[in-house]
Amino acid sequence: MTYAATLVESISIIGTVNGNWDTDTDLTYNKETGAWEVTATLSAGEMKFRANDAWDINVGGEFGNLVENGGNIAVEAGTYDIELYLERTTKDNAYAVLTKK
């Protein structure tokens, strides 16, 4: 048996919410909450979360139930506090919380 591990050095938002699909907005890890966090002003459009500014590890789908390689997520324009929970400590799935400011 063998396995492989990938070191996750960064998590970011990418998509048309940043203007295009080649501009990442980095999140910061909060050890106390276990969330990756950022406050960001987003344009109306679509987005996903990805690791290490690459497509090898990405999640999408629905904010309440993110899945690996999931679909693009539609977002309304605005400034948001964004929390991304990838560790399954409080729920059985990865999820994100967007709070419009």
Protein backbone atom coordinates (compact mmCIF):
# COMPACT_ATOMS: atom_id res chain seq x y z
CA MET A 1 0.00 0.00 0.00
CA THR A 2 1.11 3.53 -0.71
CA TYR A 3 -0.34 6.97 -0.29
CA ALA A 4 0.56 10.50 -1.29
CA ALA A 5 0.19 13.74 0.61
CA THR A 6 0.17 17.29 -0.67
CA LEU A 7 1.36 20.14 1.53
CA VAL A 8 -1.27 22.89 1.47
CA GLU A 9 0.58 26.17 1.79
CA SER A 10 -2.27 28.48 0.78
CA ILE A 11 -6.01 28.55 0.09
CA SER A 12 -7.52 31.13 -2.22
CA ILE A 13 -10.65 32.29 -3.99
CA ILE A 14 -10.52 32.32 -7.77
CA GLY A 15 -13.10 33.15 -10.43
CA THR A 16 -14.92 35.88 -12.27
CA VAL A 17 -15.65 37.44 -8.85
CA ASN A 18 -12.00 38.62 -9.02
CA GLY A 19 -12.28 39.68 -12.64
CA ASN A 20 -11.05 36.46 -14.23
CA TRP A 21 -9.93 32.88 -13.58
CA ASP A 22 -6.24 33.66 -13.13
CA THR A 23 -6.33 36.01 -10.12
CA ASP A 24 -6.27 34.45 -6.63
CA THR A 25 -7.43 36.12 -3.42
CA ASP A 26 -5.60 34.44 -0.54
CA LEU A 27 -7.27 33.44 2.71
CA THR A 28 -5.53 33.31 6.12
CA TYR A 29 -5.81 30.30 8.43
CA ASN A 30 -7.32 30.98 11.87
CA LYS A 31 -6.02 28.33 14.32
CA GLU A 32 -8.70 29.18 16.91
CA THR A 33 -11.70 28.61 14.63
CA GLY A 34 -10.15 26.15 12.16
CA ALA A 35 -11.32 28.36 9.30
CA TRP A 36 -9.55 29.93 6.36
CA GLU A 37 -10.70 33.58 6.39
CA VAL A 38 -10.69 36.78 4.35
CA THR A 39 -12.72 39.95 3.92
CA ALA A 40 -13.07 40.57 0.19
CA THR A 41 -14.99 42.73 -2.23
CA LEU A 42 -16.31 40.47 -4.97
CA SER A 43 -17.94 41.22 -8.31
CA ALA A 44 -21.06 39.34 -9.33
CA GLY A 45 -19.96 36.10 -10.92
CA GLU A 46 -18.65 32.64 -10.12
CA MET A 47 -15.91 31.36 -7.84
CA LYS A 48 -14.22 28.31 -6.35
CA PHE A 49 -11.69 27.72 -3.60
CA ARG A 50 -8.32 26.18 -4.46
CA ALA A 51 -5.07 25.23 -2.76
CA ASN A 52 -1.56 26.40 -3.60
CA ASP A 53 -2.75 28.64 -6.47
CA ALA A 54 -3.22 25.52 -8.60
CA TRP A 55 -6.11 23.31 -9.75
CA ASP A 56 -4.85 20.04 -8.25
CA ILE A 57 -6.95 20.64 -5.12
CA ASN A 58 -10.13 22.69 -5.50
CA VAL A 59 -13.60 22.72 -3.98
CA GLY A 60 -16.89 24.07 -5.24
CA GLY A 61 -20.55 23.20 -5.50
CA GLU A 62 -22.64 24.86 -2.80
CA PHE A 63 -21.41 26.94 0.13
CA GLY A 64 -23.13 24.60 2.59
CA ASN A 65 -21.70 21.45 1.01
CA LEU A 66 -18.39 21.90 -0.79
CA VAL A 67 -16.96 18.97 -2.72
CA GLU A 68 -13.65 18.33 -4.44
CA ASN A 69 -13.78 19.42 -8.08
CA GLY A 70 -17.33 20.70 -7.49
CA GLY A 71 -19.05 23.17 -9.78
CA ASN A 72 -18.59 26.92 -9.85
CA ILE A 73 -20.38 28.85 -7.09
CA ALA A 74 -22.54 31.86 -8.05
CA VAL A 75 -21.99 35.00 -5.94
CA GLU A 76 -23.70 38.39 -5.85
CA ALA A 77 -21.53 41.51 -5.87
CA GLY A 78 -20.56 42.87 -2.46
CA THR A 79 -18.05 42.90 0.36
CA TYR A 80 -18.04 39.70 2.41
CA ASP A 81 -16.44 38.15 5.45
CA ILE A 82 -15.62 34.67 4.14
CA GLU A 83 -14.91 31.64 6.31
CA LEU A 84 -13.93 28.31 4.73
CA TYR A 85 -14.09 25.18 6.89
CA LEU A 86 -12.28 22.25 5.30
CA GLU A 87 -11.73 20.22 8.49
CA ARG A 88 -14.73 18.18 9.53
CA THR A 89 -14.79 19.22 13.19
CA THR A 90 -18.29 20.69 13.42
CA LYS A 91 -20.02 19.17 10.37
CA ASP A 92 -19.66 16.09 8.21
CA ASN A 93 -18.70 18.11 5.14
CA ALA A 94 -16.54 21.01 4.02
CA TYR A 95 -18.45 24.29 3.89
CA ALA A 96 -18.07 28.06 3.63
CA VAL A 97 -19.90 30.94 5.27
CA LEU A 98 -20.22 34.27 3.46
CA THR A 99 -21.45 37.19 5.53
CA LYS A 100 -22.29 40.28 3.49
CA LYS A 101 -21.07 43.51 5.09
